[in-house]
C-alpha atoms as a PDB file:
ATOM      1  CA  MET A   1       0.000   0.000   0.000  1.00  0.00           C
ATOM      2  CA  GLN A   2       1.166   3.523  -0.680  1.00  0.00           C
ATOM      3  CA  ILE A   3       0.030   6.849   0.803  1.00  0.00           C
ATOM      4  CA  HIS A   4       0.891  10.517   0.173  1.00  0.00           C
ATOM      5  CA  ASP A   5       1.235  13.451   2.571  1.00  0.00           C
ATOM      6  CA  LYS A   6       0.107  17.058   2.053  1.00  0.00           C
ATOM      7  CA  GLN A   7       3.189  17.832  -0.067  1.00  0.00           C
ATOM      8  CA  GLY A   8       2.646  14.800  -2.294  1.00  0.00           C
ATOM      9  CA  ARG A   9       5.559  12.762  -0.907  1.00  0.00           C
ATOM     10  CA  ALA A  10       4.987   9.017  -1.243  1.00  0.00           C
ATOM     11  CA  TYR A  11       5.230   6.565   1.647  1.00  0.00           C
ATOM     12  CA  ALA A  12       5.197   2.782   1.643  1.00  0.00           C
ATOM     13  CA  VAL A  13       2.907   1.106   4.170  1.00  0.00           C
ATOM     14  CA  LYS A  14       3.246  -2.493   5.301  1.00  0.00           C
ATOM     15  CA  SER A  15       0.978  -4.225   7.786  1.00  0.00           C
ATOM     16  CA  ALA A  16       1.416  -7.296   9.939  1.00  0.00           C
ATOM     17  CA  PRO A  17      -0.941  -8.940  12.432  1.00  0.00           C
ATOM     18  CA  ILE A  18       0.566  -9.178  15.908  1.00  0.00           C
ATOM     19  CA  GLY A  19      -2.185 -11.157  17.666  1.00  0.00           C
ATOM     20  CA  ASN A  20      -5.236 -10.414  19.819  1.00  0.00           C
ATOM     21  CA  GLY A  21      -6.921  -8.570  16.955  1.00  0.00           C
ATOM     22  CA  LEU A  22      -4.061  -6.098  16.576  1.00  0.00           C
ATOM     23  CA  VAL A  23      -2.443  -5.140  13.279  1.00  0.00           C
ATOM     24  CA  VAL A  24       0.656  -2.969  13.147  1.00  0.00           C
ATOM     25  CA  TYR A  25       1.214  -0.620  10.202  1.00  0.00           C
ATOM     26  CA  HIS A  26       4.740   0.543   9.397  1.00  0.00           C
ATOM     27  CA  VAL A  27       5.140   3.685   7.270  1.00  0.00           C
ATOM     28  CA  THR A  28       8.463   4.266   5.488  1.00  0.00           C
ATOM     29  CA  ARG A  29       9.851   6.791   3.022  1.00  0.00           C
ATOM     30  CA  ASP A  30      12.836   5.647   0.936  1.00  0.00           C
ATOM     31  CA  GLY A  31      13.279   2.723   3.329  1.00  0.00           C
ATOM     32  CA  VAL A  32      13.487   4.960   6.424  1.00  0.00           C
ATOM     33  CA  PRO A  33      10.849   4.402   9.148  1.00  0.00           C
ATOM     34  CA  VAL A  34       8.554   7.427   9.462  1.00  0.00           C
ATOM     35  CA  ALA A  35       5.571   6.235  11.516  1.00  0.00           C
ATOM     36  CA  ARG A  36       3.915   3.259  13.157  1.00  0.00           C
ATOM     37  CA  ALA A  37       0.282   2.622  14.059  1.00  0.00           C
ATOM     38  CA  ALA A  38      -1.381  -0.226  15.946  1.00  0.00           C
ATOM     39  CA  LEU A  39      -4.940  -0.969  14.823  1.00  0.00           C
ATOM     40  CA  ASN A  40      -7.360  -2.789  17.114  1.00  0.00           C
ATOM     41  CA  THR A  41      -9.583  -4.588  14.614  1.00  0.00           C
ATOM     42  CA  ARG A  42     -12.116  -5.602  17.273  1.00  0.00           C
ATOM     43  CA  LEU A  43     -12.764  -2.015  18.367  1.00  0.00           C
ATOM     44  CA  GLY A  44     -12.142  -0.406  14.969  1.00  0.00           C
ATOM     45  CA  CYS A  45      -9.699   2.142  16.356  1.00  0.00           C
ATOM     46  CA  VAL A  46      -6.012   2.921  16.171  1.00  0.00           C
ATOM     47  CA  GLN A  47      -4.777   2.285  19.694  1.00  0.00           C
ATOM     48  CA  ASP A  48      -1.359   3.790  19.238  1.00  0.00           C
ATOM     49  CA  VAL A  49       0.268   5.926  16.566  1.00  0.00           C
ATOM     50  CA  VAL A  50       3.742   7.437  16.498  1.00  0.00           C
ATOM     51  CA  VAL A  51       5.339   9.719  13.909  1.00  0.00           C
ATOM     52  CA  TYR A  52       9.026   9.426  14.736  1.00  0.00           C
ATOM     53  CA  SER A  53      10.452  12.748  13.539  1.00  0.00           C
ATOM     54  CA  VAL A  54       9.096  16.113  14.660  1.00  0.00           C
ATOM     55  CA  ASP A  55       9.673  17.359  11.096  1.00  0.00           C
ATOM     56  CA  ASP A  56       7.249  14.723   9.758  1.00  0.00           C
ATOM     57  CA  ARG A  57       4.441  15.600  12.166  1.00  0.00           C
ATOM     58  CA  ARG A  58       1.385  17.586  11.023  1.00  0.00           C
ATOM     59  CA  GLN A  59       2.142  16.739   7.394  1.00  0.00           C
ATOM     60  CA  GLY A  60      -0.978  14.633   6.769  1.00  0.00           C
ATOM     61  CA  ILE A  61       0.756  11.265   7.157  1.00  0.00           C
ATOM     62  CA  CYS A  62      -1.654   9.972   9.817  1.00  0.00           C
ATOM     63  CA  THR A  63      -4.697  11.240   7.952  1.00  0.00           C
ATOM     64  CA  ALA A  64      -3.524   9.472   4.790  1.00  0.00           C
ATOM     65  CA  LEU A  65      -2.777   6.305   6.771  1.00  0.00           C
ATOM     66  CA  TYR A  66      -6.205   6.307   8.457  1.00  0.00           C
ATOM     67  CA  ASN A  67      -7.901   6.864   5.080  1.00  0.00           C
ATOM     68  CA  ALA A  68      -5.932   3.973   3.555  1.00  0.00           C
ATOM     69  CA  ILE A  69      -6.807   1.657   6.448  1.00  0.00           C
ATOM     70  CA  GLU A  70     -10.498   2.542   6.114  1.00  0.00           C
ATOM     71  CA  ALA A  71     -10.411   1.929   2.356  1.00  0.00           C
ATOM     72  CA  GLU A  72      -8.504  -1.348   2.704  1.00  0.00           C
ATOM     73  CA  LEU A  73     -10.753  -2.798   5.413  1.00  0.00           C
ATOM     74  CA  GLY A  74     -14.018  -1.176   4.323  1.00  0.00           C
ATOM     75  CA  ILE A  75     -14.683   0.231   7.796  1.00  0.00           C
ATOM     76  CA  LYS A  76     -14.929   3.662   9.397  1.00  0.00           C
ATOM     77  CA  LEU A  77     -12.360   4.080  12.171  1.00  0.00           C
ATOM     78  CA  VAL A  78     -13.501   5.516  15.482  1.00  0.00           C
ATOM     79  CA  PRO A  79     -11.484   7.528  18.003  1.00  0.00           C
ATOM     80  CA  ASN A  80      -9.642   5.707  20.732  1.00  0.00           C
ATOM     81  CA  ARG A  81     -11.031   6.518  24.181  1.00  0.00           C
ATOM     82  CA  MET A  82      -7.544   7.275  25.545  1.00  0.00           C
ATOM     83  CA  ARG A  83      -6.490  10.392  23.615  1.00  0.00           C
ATOM     84  CA  LEU A  84      -4.060  13.147  24.442  1.00  0.00           C
ATOM     85  CA  ALA A  85      -4.733  16.771  23.435  1.00  0.00           C
ATOM     86  CA  ASP A  86      -3.108  16.248  20.013  1.00  0.00           C
ATOM     87  CA  GLY A  87      -5.266  13.186  19.411  1.00  0.00           C
ATOM     88  CA  LYS A  88      -8.419  15.062  20.326  1.00  0.00           C
ATOM     89  CA  ALA A  89      -7.512  17.885  17.932  1.00  0.00           C
ATOM     90  CA  PHE A  90      -6.747  15.326  15.197  1.00  0.00           C
ATOM     91  CA  TRP A  91     -10.169  13.693  15.563  1.00  0.00           C
ATOM     92  CA  GLN A  92     -12.009  16.992  15.775  1.00  0.00           C
ATOM     93  CA  ALA A  93     -10.422  18.040  12.490  1.00  0.00           C
ATOM     94  CA  ARG A  94     -10.954  14.597  10.950  1.00  0.00           C
ATOM     95  CA  THR A  95     -14.634  14.312  11.790  1.00  0.00           C
ATOM     96  CA  GLY A  96     -15.485  17.985  11.348  1.00  0.00           C
ATOM     97  CA  GLN A  97     -17.333  18.047  14.659  1.00  0.00           C
ATOM     98  CA  ASP A  98     -15.463  21.094  15.864  1.00  0.00           C
ATOM     99  CA  ARG A  99     -14.105  23.526  13.307  1.00  0.00           C
ATOM    100  CA  ARG A 100     -12.393  25.545  16.054  1.00  0.00           C
ATOM    101  CA  ALA A 101      -9.338  23.284  15.950  1.00  0.00           C
ATOM    102  CA  LEU A 102      -7.036  26.189  16.792  1.00  0.00           C
ATOM    103  CA  GLY A 103      -8.754  26.510  20.167  1.00  0.00           C
ATOM    104  CA  LYS A 104      -7.584  29.263  22.493  1.00  0.00           C
ATOM    105  CA  PHE A 105      -4.720  30.180  20.140  1.00  0.00           C
ATOM    106  CA  ALA A 106      -7.052  31.258  17.330  1.00  0.00           C
ATOM    107  CA  PRO A 107      -7.583  34.974  16.799  1.00  0.00           C
ATOM    108  CA  ARG A 108     -10.940  36.185  18.062  1.00  0.00           C
ATOM    109  CA  PHE A 109     -12.262  36.943  14.585  1.00  0.00           C
ATOM    110  CA  ALA A 110     -11.592  33.343  13.462  1.00  0.00           C
ATOM    111  CA  GLN A 111     -14.027  32.031  16.081  1.00  0.00           C
ATOM    112  CA  ARG A 112     -16.865  34.452  15.283  1.00  0.00           C
ATOM    113  CA  ASP A 113     -19.756  33.412  13.121  1.00  0.00           C
ATOM    114  CA  LEU A 114     -19.746  35.760  10.142  1.00  0.00           C
END
């Protein structure tokens, strides 16, 4: 499987079952590990995801990976119950439930209804 980030860079994705309904996805670019995600197939959620380099974060890699997983398995992923602030912001942006993803750092005019 192959995915692309916001800049159009291509990444190779390989998956492997690791038992107990878990599948690990390894994302690489030019053979260098970029990210890893553990999918719980029973719950339909990614339990753990790591983008290794700070420079690769917020580039659309996880969004592309989640979209590819959903397309491959024919399911709609749901948020994991144990999310940090970054994970909550990711899911708010992904589901469109809260368009104020910038939160308290957004300028006042960006939060007003025009």
